C-alpha atoms as a PDB file:
ATOM      1  CA  MET A   1       0.000   0.000   0.000  1.00  0.00           C
ATOM      2  CA  SER A   2       1.526   3.314  -1.039  1.00  0.00           C
ATOM      3  CA  ILE A   3       1.318   6.440   1.085  1.00  0.00           C
ATOM      4  CA  ASN A   4       2.455   8.420  -1.916  1.00  0.00           C
ATOM      5  CA  SER A   5      -0.120   7.388  -4.565  1.00  0.00           C
ATOM      6  CA  LYS A   6       2.037   9.434  -6.963  1.00  0.00           C
ATOM      7  CA  ARG A   7       1.604  13.182  -6.764  1.00  0.00           C
ATOM      8  CA  ARG A   8       1.318  13.422 -10.546  1.00  0.00           C
ATOM      9  CA  ARG A   9      -1.601  10.995 -10.624  1.00  0.00           C
ATOM     10  CA  ASP A  10      -3.384  12.757  -7.773  1.00  0.00           C
ATOM     11  CA  LEU A  11      -2.842  16.157  -9.325  1.00  0.00           C
ATOM     12  CA  LYS A  12      -4.430  14.917 -12.544  1.00  0.00           C
ATOM     13  CA  LYS A  13      -7.431  13.535 -10.674  1.00  0.00           C
ATOM     14  CA  ALA A  14      -7.737  16.317  -8.093  1.00  0.00           C
ATOM     15  CA  LYS A  15     -10.933  18.344  -8.334  1.00  0.00           C
ATOM     16  CA  ARG A  16     -12.673  20.630  -5.920  1.00  0.00           C
ATOM     17  CA  LYS A  17     -15.443  18.716  -4.182  1.00  0.00           C
ATOM     18  CA  PRO A  18     -18.645  19.920  -2.528  1.00  0.00           C
ATOM     19  CA  ALA A  19     -18.089  20.825   1.100  1.00  0.00           C
ATOM     20  CA  ILE A  20     -18.611  18.024   3.557  1.00  0.00           C
ATOM     21  CA  GLY A  21     -21.675  18.539   5.747  1.00  0.00           C
ATOM     22  CA  GLY A  22     -23.976  20.127   3.191  1.00  0.00           C
ATOM     23  CA  GLY A  23     -22.501  23.620   3.118  1.00  0.00           C
ATOM     24  CA  SER A  24     -22.528  25.723  -0.022  1.00  0.00           C
ATOM     25  CA  GLY A  25     -18.783  26.320  -0.086  1.00  0.00           C
ATOM     26  CA  LEU A  26     -16.049  24.223  -1.598  1.00  0.00           C
ATOM     27  CA  GLN A  27     -13.557  22.120   0.309  1.00  0.00           C
ATOM     28  CA  PRO A  28      -9.978  22.044  -0.983  1.00  0.00           C
ATOM     29  CA  SER A  29      -9.226  18.817  -2.788  1.00  0.00           C
ATOM     30  CA  ALA A  30      -6.340  17.930  -0.466  1.00  0.00           C
ATOM     31  CA  LEU A  31      -8.625  18.001   2.574  1.00  0.00           C
ATOM     32  CA  TYR A  32     -11.395  16.146   0.769  1.00  0.00           C
ATOM     33  CA  GLN A  33      -8.921  13.420  -0.153  1.00  0.00           C
ATOM     34  CA  LEU A  34      -7.603  13.303   3.414  1.00  0.00           C
ATOM     35  CA  LYS A  35     -11.063  12.657   4.832  1.00  0.00           C
ATOM     36  CA  SER A  36     -11.908  10.149   2.084  1.00  0.00           C
ATOM     37  CA  PHE A  37      -8.695   8.151   2.486  1.00  0.00           C
ATOM     38  CA  ARG A  38      -9.047   8.120   6.258  1.00  0.00           C
ATOM     39  CA  LYS A  39     -12.532   6.643   5.902  1.00  0.00           C
ATOM     40  CA  ALA A  40     -11.311   4.115   3.351  1.00  0.00           C
ATOM     41  CA  TYR A  41      -8.484   3.083   5.669  1.00  0.00           C
ATOM     42  CA  ILE A  42     -10.692   2.309   8.633  1.00  0.00           C
ATOM     43  CA  LYS A  43     -13.133   0.386   6.451  1.00  0.00           C
ATOM     44  CA  SER A  44     -10.363  -1.845   5.069  1.00  0.00           C
ATOM     45  CA  TRP A  45      -8.489  -2.178   8.348  1.00  0.00           C
ATOM     46  CA  GLY A  46     -11.734  -3.144  10.057  1.00  0.00           C
ATOM     47  CA  ILE A  47     -11.777  -6.268   7.882  1.00  0.00           C
ATOM     48  CA  ASN A  48      -8.130  -7.112   8.592  1.00  0.00           C
ATOM     49  CA  SER A  49      -8.558  -6.525  12.312  1.00  0.00           C
ATOM     50  CA  GLU A  50     -11.378  -9.063  12.492  1.00  0.00           C
ATOM     51  CA  GLY A  51      -8.929 -11.605  11.090  1.00  0.00           C
ATOM     52  CA  HIS A  52      -6.383 -10.716  13.755  1.00  0.00           C
ATOM     53  CA  LEU A  53      -9.081 -10.990  16.409  1.00  0.00           C
ATOM     54  CA  ALA A  54     -10.169 -14.434  15.191  1.00  0.00           C
ATOM     55  CA  GLN A  55      -6.552 -15.639  15.323  1.00  0.00           C
ATOM     56  CA  GLY A  56      -6.145 -14.461  18.923  1.00  0.00           C
ATOM     57  CA  HIS A  57      -3.529 -11.887  18.013  1.00  0.00           C
ATOM     58  CA  TYR A  58      -4.758  -9.054  20.233  1.00  0.00           C
ATOM     59  CA  SER A  59      -4.705 -11.107  23.417  1.00  0.00           C
ATOM     60  CA  TRP A  60      -1.275 -12.452  22.371  1.00  0.00           C
ATOM     61  CA  MET A  61       0.019  -8.911  21.875  1.00  0.00           C
ATOM     62  CA  ALA A  62      -1.374  -7.748  25.216  1.00  0.00           C
ATOM     63  CA  GLU A  63       0.445 -10.632  26.913  1.00  0.00           C
ATOM     64  CA  ARG A  64       3.737  -9.151  25.729  1.00  0.00           C
ATOM     65  CA  VAL A  65       3.224  -6.193  28.113  1.00  0.00           C
ATOM     66  CA  LYS A  66       1.471  -8.016  30.958  1.00  0.00           C
ATOM     67  CA  GLY A  67       2.588  -6.614  34.295  1.00  0.00           C
ATOM     68  CA  PHE A  68       3.319  -3.150  32.804  1.00  0.00           C
ATOM     69  CA  PRO A  69       0.021  -1.425  33.604  1.00  0.00           C
ATOM     70  CA  ARG A  70       0.478   2.184  32.463  1.00  0.00           C
ATOM     71  CA  THR A  71       0.828   1.971  28.709  1.00  0.00           C
ATOM     72  CA  LEU A  72       1.280   4.384  25.823  1.00  0.00           C
ATOM     73  CA  GLU A  73      -0.179   2.913  22.633  1.00  0.00           C
ATOM     74  CA  ILE A  74       0.874   4.185  19.207  1.00  0.00           C
ATOM     75  CA  GLY A  75      -2.206   3.947  16.982  1.00  0.00           C
ATOM     76  CA  CYS A  76      -5.493   2.302  17.904  1.00  0.00           C
ATOM     77  CA  GLY A  77      -6.937   1.021  14.613  1.00  0.00           C
ATOM     78  CA  VAL A  78     -10.570   0.153  15.313  1.00  0.00           C
ATOM     79  CA  GLY A  79      -9.896  -0.459  19.000  1.00  0.00           C
ATOM     80  CA  HIS A  80      -9.293  -4.198  19.375  1.00  0.00           C
ATOM     81  CA  SER A  81      -5.726  -3.799  20.661  1.00  0.00           C
ATOM     82  CA  THR A  82      -6.723  -1.017  23.059  1.00  0.00           C
ATOM     83  CA  LEU A  83      -9.597  -3.121  24.364  1.00  0.00           C
ATOM     84  CA  ALA A  84      -7.256  -6.086  24.924  1.00  0.00           C
ATOM     85  CA  LEU A  85      -4.986  -3.857  27.020  1.00  0.00           C
ATOM     86  CA  LEU A  86      -7.862  -2.497  29.090  1.00  0.00           C
ATOM     87  CA  GLN A  87      -9.284  -5.956  29.685  1.00  0.00           C
ATOM     88  CA  GLN A  88      -5.875  -6.993  31.001  1.00  0.00           C
ATOM     89  CA  GLY A  89      -5.974  -4.165  33.552  1.00  0.00           C
ATOM     90  CA  HIS A  90      -3.906  -1.493  31.830  1.00  0.00           C
ATOM     91  CA  THR A  91      -4.648   2.200  31.795  1.00  0.00           C
ATOM     92  CA  VAL A  92      -3.927   3.477  28.304  1.00  0.00           C
ATOM     93  CA  VAL A  93      -2.885   6.706  26.656  1.00  0.00           C
ATOM     94  CA  CYS A  94      -3.253   6.259  22.907  1.00  0.00           C
ATOM     95  CA  VAL A  95      -1.898   8.553  20.180  1.00  0.00           C
ATOM     96  CA  GLU A  96      -3.740   8.331  16.856  1.00  0.00           C
ATOM     97  CA  GLU A  97      -3.493  10.461  13.685  1.00  0.00           C
ATOM     98  CA  ASN A  98      -6.812   9.322  12.167  1.00  0.00           C
ATOM     99  CA  PRO A  99      -9.962  10.758  13.843  1.00  0.00           C
ATOM    100  CA  GLN A 100     -11.984   7.977  12.203  1.00  0.00           C
ATOM    101  CA  CYS A 101      -9.967   5.436  14.208  1.00  0.00           C
ATOM    102  CA  ILE A 102     -10.436   7.438  17.393  1.00  0.00           C
ATOM    103  CA  ALA A 103     -14.225   7.523  16.927  1.00  0.00           C
ATOM    104  CA  ALA A 104     -14.419   3.775  16.279  1.00  0.00           C
ATOM    105  CA  THR A 105     -12.179   2.977  19.237  1.00  0.00           C
ATOM    106  CA  ARG A 106     -14.064   5.286  21.581  1.00  0.00           C
ATOM    107  CA  LYS A 107     -17.340   3.572  20.749  1.00  0.00           C
ATOM    108  CA  ARG A 108     -15.897   0.065  21.101  1.00  0.00           C
ATOM    109  CA  LEU A 109     -14.380   0.801  24.509  1.00  0.00           C
ATOM    110  CA  ALA A 110     -17.432   2.672  25.820  1.00  0.00           C
ATOM    111  CA  ASP A 111     -19.685  -0.184  24.701  1.00  0.00           C
ATOM    112  CA  GLU A 112     -17.550  -2.474  26.890  1.00  0.00           C
ATOM    113  CA  GLY A 113     -18.059  -0.213  29.898  1.00  0.00           C
ATOM    114  CA  PHE A 114     -14.708   1.578  30.005  1.00  0.00           C
ATOM    115  CA  CYS A 115     -14.282   5.281  30.750  1.00  0.00           C
ATOM    116  CA  VAL A 116     -12.854   6.948  27.632  1.00  0.00           C
ATOM    117  CA  GLU A 117     -11.830  10.561  27.051  1.00  0.00           C
ATOM    118  CA  VAL A 118     -10.761  12.145  23.745  1.00  0.00           C
ATOM    119  CA  ILE A 119      -8.467  15.134  23.275  1.00  0.00           C
ATOM    120  CA  ALA A 120      -9.164  16.603  19.830  1.00  0.00           C
ATOM    121  CA  ARG A 121      -6.251  18.778  18.695  1.00  0.00           C
ATOM    122  CA  GLU A 122      -6.144  18.693  14.908  1.00  0.00           C
ATOM    123  CA  THR A 123      -6.722  21.530  12.450  1.00  0.00           C
ATOM    124  CA  PRO A 124      -6.143  20.438   8.817  1.00  0.00           C
ATOM    125  CA  VAL A 125      -4.858  23.214   6.541  1.00  0.00           C
ATOM    126  CA  SER A 126      -4.743  22.994   2.751  1.00  0.00           C
ATOM    127  CA  LEU A 127      -1.428  24.046   1.216  1.00  0.00           C
ATOM    128  CA  ASP A 128      -2.481  23.479  -2.391  1.00  0.00           C
ATOM    129  CA  GLU A 129      -4.743  21.144  -4.358  1.00  0.00           C
ATOM    130  CA  ASN A 130      -2.658  18.140  -3.388  1.00  0.00           C
ATOM    131  CA  ALA A 131      -0.931  18.896  -0.083  1.00  0.00           C
ATOM    132  CA  TYR A 132      -1.992  19.646   3.468  1.00  0.00           C
ATOM    133  CA  ARG A 133      -0.599  20.249   6.916  1.00  0.00           C
ATOM    134  CA  LEU A 134      -2.016  19.120  10.266  1.00  0.00           C
ATOM    135  CA  ILE A 135      -1.678  21.732  12.996  1.00  0.00           C
ATOM    136  CA  TYR A 136      -1.929  20.326  16.520  1.00  0.00           C
ATOM    137  CA  SER A 137      -2.889  22.423  19.526  1.00  0.00           C
ATOM    138  CA  GLU A 138      -1.213  22.194  22.919  1.00  0.00           C
ATOM    139  CA  ILE A 139      -2.498  19.430  25.181  1.00  0.00           C
ATOM    140  CA  PRO A 140      -4.358  20.573  28.298  1.00  0.00           C
ATOM    141  CA  GLU A 141      -4.312  18.806  31.620  1.00  0.00           C
ATOM    142  CA  ALA A 142      -5.619  15.348  30.843  1.00  0.00           C
ATOM    143  CA  PRO A 143      -8.828  14.090  32.458  1.00  0.00           C
ATOM    144  CA  GLN A 144      -8.792  10.847  34.406  1.00  0.00           C
ATOM    145  CA  ALA A 145      -9.964   7.881  32.339  1.00  0.00           C
ATOM    146  CA  ASP A 146      -9.323   4.210  31.685  1.00  0.00           C
ATOM    147  CA  CYS A 147      -8.237   5.276  28.208  1.00  0.00           C
ATOM    148  CA  LEU A 148      -7.207   8.675  26.909  1.00  0.00           C
ATOM    149  CA  LEU A 149      -7.332   8.985  23.109  1.00  0.00           C
ATOM    150  CA  ILE A 150      -5.214  11.869  21.809  1.00  0.00           C
ATOM    151  CA  GLU A 151      -5.217  13.203  18.266  1.00  0.00           C
ATOM    152  CA  GLY A 152      -1.569  13.398  17.365  1.00  0.00           C
ATOM    153  CA  ASP A 153       1.270  12.264  15.167  1.00  0.00           C
ATOM    154  CA  ALA A 154       3.999  10.023  16.572  1.00  0.00           C
ATOM    155  CA  LEU A 155       6.190  11.002  13.620  1.00  0.00           C
ATOM    156  CA  ASN A 156       6.121  14.780  13.990  1.00  0.00           C
ATOM    157  CA  ASP A 157       4.319  16.354  16.945  1.00  0.00           C
ATOM    158  CA  PRO A 158       6.600  18.356  19.278  1.00  0.00           C
ATOM    159  CA  ALA A 159       3.734  19.461  21.541  1.00  0.00           C
ATOM    160  CA  LEU A 160       2.715  15.833  22.060  1.00  0.00           C
ATOM    161  CA  GLU A 161       6.264  14.758  22.882  1.00  0.00           C
ATOM    162  CA  ALA A 162       6.662  17.616  25.359  1.00  0.00           C
ATOM    163  CA  TRP A 163       3.377  16.633  27.036  1.00  0.00           C
ATOM    164  CA  LEU A 164       4.396  12.974  27.266  1.00  0.00           C
ATOM    165  CA  GLU A 165       7.670  13.958  28.917  1.00  0.00           C
ATOM    166  CA  ARG A 166       5.773  15.941  31.574  1.00  0.00           C
ATOM    167  CA  GLN A 167       3.685  12.923  32.559  1.00  0.00           C
ATOM    168  CA  PRO A 168       4.632  10.299  35.167  1.00  0.00           C
ATOM    169  CA  LYS A 169       6.883   7.710  33.575  1.00  0.00           C
ATOM    170  CA  PHE A 170       5.146   4.993  31.577  1.00  0.00           C
ATOM    171  CA  ASP A 171       5.547   1.279  32.273  1.00  0.00           C
ATOM    172  CA  ALA A 172       5.222   0.304  28.606  1.00  0.00           C
ATOM    173  CA  VAL A 173       4.990   1.648  25.075  1.00  0.00           C
ATOM    174  CA  ALA A 174       3.115  -0.498  22.543  1.00  0.00           C
ATOM    175  CA  CYS A 175       3.812   0.009  18.841  1.00  0.00           C
ATOM    176  CA  TRP A 176       1.763  -2.689  17.113  1.00  0.00           C
ATOM    177  CA  LEU A 177       0.802  -3.360  13.481  1.00  0.00           C
ATOM    178  CA  LEU A 178       1.369   0.171  12.247  1.00  0.00           C
ATOM    179  CA  GLY A 179      -0.544   1.199   9.155  1.00  0.00           C
ATOM    180  CA  THR A 180      -1.527   4.396   7.396  1.00  0.00           C
ATOM    181  CA  HIS A 181      -3.950   5.821   4.838  1.00  0.00           C
ATOM    182  CA  ASP A 182      -3.065   6.820   1.277  1.00  0.00           C
ATOM    183  CA  ALA A 183      -3.344  10.566   1.937  1.00  0.00           C
ATOM    184  CA  ARG A 184      -0.507  10.361   4.452  1.00  0.00           C
ATOM    185  CA  GLY A 185       2.079  10.997   1.749  1.00  0.00           C
ATOM    186  CA  HIS A 186       0.523  14.396   1.027  1.00  0.00           C
ATOM    187  CA  ASN A 187       1.083  15.640   4.572  1.00  0.00           C
ATOM    188  CA  ALA A 188       3.815  18.278   4.565  1.00  0.00           C
ATOM    189  CA  ALA A 189       5.354  16.541   7.591  1.00  0.00           C
ATOM    190  CA  VAL A 190       6.092  13.438   5.507  1.00  0.00           C
ATOM    191  CA  ASP A 191       9.221  13.562   3.367  1.00  0.00           C
ATOM    192  CA  LEU A 192       8.370  11.506   0.280  1.00  0.00           C
ATOM    193  CA  ALA A 193      12.005  11.266  -0.730  1.00  0.00           C
ATOM    194  CA  LEU A 194      12.624   9.279   2.453  1.00  0.00           C
ATOM    195  CA  MET A 195       9.180   7.693   2.878  1.00  0.00           C
ATOM    196  CA  PRO A 196       7.720   6.909  -0.561  1.00  0.00           C
ATOM    197  CA  THR A 197       5.708   3.888   0.636  1.00  0.00           C
ATOM    198  CA  ALA A 198       4.023   2.560   3.782  1.00  0.00           C
ATOM    199  CA  TYR A 199       7.073   0.388   4.472  1.00  0.00           C
ATOM    200  CA  GLU A 200       9.465   3.333   4.883  1.00  0.00           C
ATOM    201  CA  HIS A 201       6.812   5.307   6.748  1.00  0.00           C
ATOM    202  CA  ARG A 202       6.411   2.484   9.259  1.00  0.00           C
ATOM    203  CA  ILE A 203      10.161   2.279   9.833  1.00  0.00           C
ATOM    204  CA  PHE A 204      10.483   6.033  10.385  1.00  0.00           C
ATOM    205  CA  VAL A 205       7.603   6.012  12.872  1.00  0.00           C
ATOM    206  CA  GLN A 206       9.163   3.068  14.708  1.00  0.00           C
ATOM    207  CA  ASN A 207      12.503   4.900  14.788  1.00  0.00           C
ATOM    208  CA  ARG A 208      10.799   7.905  16.367  1.00  0.00           C
ATOM    209  CA  VAL A 209       8.943   5.717  18.864  1.00  0.00           C
ATOM    210  CA  TYR A 210      12.230   4.172  20.030  1.00  0.00           C
ATOM    211  CA  GLU A 211      13.528   7.671  20.788  1.00  0.00           C
ATOM    212  CA  ILE A 212      10.320   8.749  22.545  1.00  0.00           C
ATOM    213  CA  ALA A 213      10.167   5.534  24.582  1.00  0.00           C
ATOM    214  CA  ASP A 214      13.715   6.090  25.821  1.00  0.00           C
ATOM    215  CA  ARG A 215      12.619   9.419  27.330  1.00  0.00           C
ATOM    216  CA  ILE A 216       9.253   8.482  28.829  1.00  0.00           C
ATOM    217  CA  LEU A 217       9.708   4.914  30.128  1.00  0.00           C
ATOM    218  CA  ARG A 218      10.552   4.205  33.754  1.00  0.00           C
ATOM    219  CA  SER A 219      13.610   2.138  34.555  1.00  0.00           C
ATOM    220  CA  GLY A 220      12.647  -1.452  33.798  1.00  0.00           C
ATOM    221  CA  GLY A 221       9.858  -0.336  31.470  1.00  0.00           C
ATOM    222  CA  VAL A 222       9.448  -1.889  28.035  1.00  0.00           C
ATOM    223  CA  LEU A 223       8.894  -0.939  24.415  1.00  0.00           C
ATOM    224  CA  SER A 224       6.932  -3.612  22.548  1.00  0.00           C
ATOM    225  CA  VAL A 225       7.153  -3.508  18.735  1.00  0.00           C
ATOM    226  CA  ILE A 226       5.048  -6.042  16.836  1.00  0.00           C
ATOM    227  CA  ASP A 227       4.663  -6.308  13.088  1.00  0.00           C
ATOM    228  CA  ARG A 228       4.099  -8.706  10.226  1.00  0.00           C
ATOM    229  CA  ALA A 229       7.123 -10.555   8.880  1.00  0.00           C
ATOM    230  CA  GLN A 230       8.161 -13.809   7.287  1.00  0.00           C
ATOM    231  CA  THR A 231       8.245 -16.484   9.985  1.00  0.00           C
ATOM    232  CA  PRO A 232      11.827 -16.567  11.320  1.00  0.00           C
ATOM    233  CA  THR A 233      12.480 -20.281  10.845  1.00  0.00           C
ATOM    234  CA  THR A 234      16.281 -20.101  10.886  1.00  0.00           C
ATOM    235  CA  GLN A 235      18.807 -18.505  13.197  1.00  0.00           C
ATOM    236  CA  ASP A 236      19.943 -16.238  10.346  1.00  0.00           C
ATOM    237  CA  MET A 237      16.399 -14.883  10.001  1.00  0.00           C
ATOM    238  CA  VAL A 238      16.105 -14.355  13.752  1.00  0.00           C
ATOM    239  CA  GLU A 239      19.419 -12.512  13.754  1.00  0.00           C
ATOM    240  CA  LYS A 240      18.298 -10.331  10.860  1.00  0.00           C
ATOM    241  CA  LEU A 241      15.197  -9.258  12.787  1.00  0.00           C
ATOM    242  CA  LEU A 242      17.217  -8.627  15.934  1.00  0.00           C
ATOM    243  CA  GLN A 243      19.794  -6.588  14.043  1.00  0.00           C
ATOM    244  CA  HIS A 244      17.035  -4.458  12.526  1.00  0.00           C
ATOM    245  CA  HIS A 245      15.747  -3.559  15.998  1.00  0.00           C
ATOM    246  CA  ARG A 246      19.209  -3.144  17.471  1.00  0.00           C
ATOM    247  CA  GLU A 247      19.893  -0.539  14.804  1.00  0.00           C
ATOM    248  CA  GLN A 248      16.686   1.278  15.719  1.00  0.00           C
ATOM    249  CA  ALA A 249      17.578   1.118  19.409  1.00  0.00           C
ATOM    250  CA  SER A 250      21.212   2.146  18.850  1.00  0.00           C
ATOM    251  CA  VAL A 251      20.510   5.852  19.464  1.00  0.00           C
ATOM    252  CA  THR A 252      18.804   5.025  22.785  1.00  0.00           C
ATOM    253  CA  SER A 253      19.626   3.240  26.025  1.00  0.00           C
ATOM    254  CA  LEU A 254      17.057   0.501  25.310  1.00  0.00           C
ATOM    255  CA  VAL A 255      18.247  -3.110  25.352  1.00  0.00           C
ATOM    256  CA  VAL A 256      16.676  -5.392  22.720  1.00  0.00           C
ATOM    257  CA  GLN A 257      15.414  -8.779  23.919  1.00  0.00           C
ATOM    258  CA  PRO A 258      14.914 -12.058  21.956  1.00  0.00           C
ATOM    259  CA  VAL A 259      12.281 -12.254  19.210  1.00  0.00           C
ATOM    260  CA  GLU A 260       8.931 -13.964  19.774  1.00  0.00           C
ATOM    261  CA  HIS A 261       6.410 -14.800  17.070  1.00  0.00           C
ATOM    262  CA  THR A 262       2.981 -16.279  16.463  1.00  0.00           C
ATOM    263  CA  PRO A 263       1.465 -17.562  13.164  1.00  0.00           C
ATOM    264  CA  HIS A 264      -0.429 -15.081  11.014  1.00  0.00           C
ATOM    265  CA  VAL A 265      -2.701 -15.745   8.048  1.00  0.00           C
ATOM    266  CA  GLU A 266      -3.534 -12.627   6.028  1.00  0.00           C
ATOM    267  CA  SER A 267      -7.211 -11.909   5.426  1.00  0.00           C
ATOM    268  CA  GLU A 268      -8.464 -12.876   1.978  1.00  0.00           C
ATOM    269  CA  GLN A 269     -11.844 -11.187   2.396  1.00  0.00           C
ATOM    270  CA  GLN A 270     -12.947  -8.700  -0.222  1.00  0.00           C
ATOM    271  CA  GLY A 271     -11.967  -5.173   0.777  1.00  0.00           C
ATOM    272  CA  ALA A 272      -9.203  -6.273   3.141  1.00  0.00           C
ATOM    273  CA  MET A 273      -5.976  -4.300   3.097  1.00  0.00           C
ATOM    274  CA  ARG A 274      -3.039  -5.955   1.390  1.00  0.00           C
ATOM    275  CA  MET A 275      -0.236  -5.672   3.876  1.00  0.00           C
ATOM    276  CA  MET A 276       3.521  -5.212   3.424  1.00  0.00           C
ATOM    277  CA  THR A 277       5.857  -6.981   5.791  1.00  0.00           C
ATOM    278  CA  THR A 278       8.121  -4.785   7.864  1.00  0.00           C
ATOM    279  CA  ASN A 279      11.292  -6.309   6.446  1.00  0.00           C
ATOM    280  CA  PRO A 280      11.430  -6.920   2.686  1.00  0.00           C
ATOM    281  CA  LEU A 281      12.739 -10.365   1.842  1.00  0.00           C
ATOM    282  CA  ASP A 282      16.337 -10.481   0.754  1.00  0.00           C
ATOM    283  CA  ALA A 283      18.239 -13.152  -1.106  1.00  0.00           C
ATOM    284  CA  ALA A 284      18.793 -15.172   2.049  1.00  0.00           C
ATOM    285  CA  MET A 285      15.029 -15.423   2.472  1.00  0.00           C
ATOM    286  CA  ALA A 286      14.121 -16.055  -1.155  1.00  0.00           C
ATOM    287  CA  PHE A 287      11.230 -18.313  -2.050  1.00  0.00           C
ATOM    288  CA  THR A 288       9.378 -19.498  -5.156  1.00  0.00           C
ATOM    289  CA  PRO A 289       5.642 -19.363  -5.989  1.00  0.00           C
ATOM    290  CA  ASP A 290       5.516 -23.100  -5.298  1.00  0.00           C
ATOM    291  CA  ASP A 291       7.032 -22.561  -1.879  1.00  0.00           C
ATOM    292  CA  PRO A 292       5.440 -19.393  -0.427  1.00  0.00           C
ATOM    293  CA  PRO A 293       6.672 -18.191   2.953  1.00  0.00           C
ATOM    294  CA  THR A 294       4.668 -18.574   6.109  1.00  0.00           C
ATOM    295  CA  MET A 295       3.940 -15.329   7.884  1.00  0.00           C
ATOM    296  CA  SER A 296       3.951 -14.418  11.549  1.00  0.00           C
ATOM    297  CA  LEU A 297       3.495 -11.520  13.874  1.00  0.00           C
ATOM    298  CA  CYS A 298       6.995 -10.931  15.202  1.00  0.00           C
ATOM    299  CA  SER A 299       7.402  -9.306  18.604  1.00  0.00           C
ATOM    300  CA  THR A 300      10.534  -7.527  19.783  1.00  0.00           C
ATOM    301  CA  THR A 301      10.662  -6.147  23.317  1.00  0.00           C
ATOM    302  CA  SER A 302      13.278  -3.621  24.425  1.00  0.00           C
ATOM    303  CA  VAL A 303      13.932  -2.801  28.070  1.00  0.00           C
ATOM    304  CA  LYS A 304      14.805   0.576  29.554  1.00  0.00           C
ATOM    305  CA  PRO A 305      17.788   0.075  31.937  1.00  0.00           C
END
């Protein structure tokens, strides 16, 4: 899935659309596309997430941070991962760029009886027909809740990072199954030369999360990173995954622990999102169409000394 969608193609297709909400004005194409792609993302991810739920992935992921009750979650999807954390006894602060995801998660958690508060901070600004910027307000004193959902951007949100650093230290940071919508590449905060696809975007967000986690975790706290990858069936493959995370952790004090994994079968339902693995296969992991790789969710935990 591309976060770029090719600026040239989008410029050719871009048209001014009627204002959302029935007004008589016109909404800039960049903002119309942003809202449309965000809606499309949650619709597709909702299908994928049901597959993860059926395979027991959310409870498996929550087990990776069991015993670390105060958790920062990066992205909430449609709320299954957040719900798994709450059901395990965590209190959760979740940072999410997509308001559609926040709305879906808020409803899911409230329906299960949890106290949920939302801090809306985003003001989208059109830069031209094909580019936008998200301006985030300062974060006020946070209300008490089982889960606090904050509009924000883990990749580029200085006010959010400053707020997180003012809070009591977290026990855990969860960065699980990162994804993004196709309008993401038109955000001025995203450098397309460095992040042309969802793969690079995911790596850059993870890099940033490692740095943030190093500043906000208590001593003995953990960063849990979980993503899709080819099942590490050999020691060379395990070492490749470990080296990838050691490189990400190299600018921090975090100590990377052994890899864990659980089987994953991608959803084949119509409308499901086709997912990239975090680590593209290299020659050492080559396969043929007659011998397709098995896939897993691979978990890497790093500990704050």
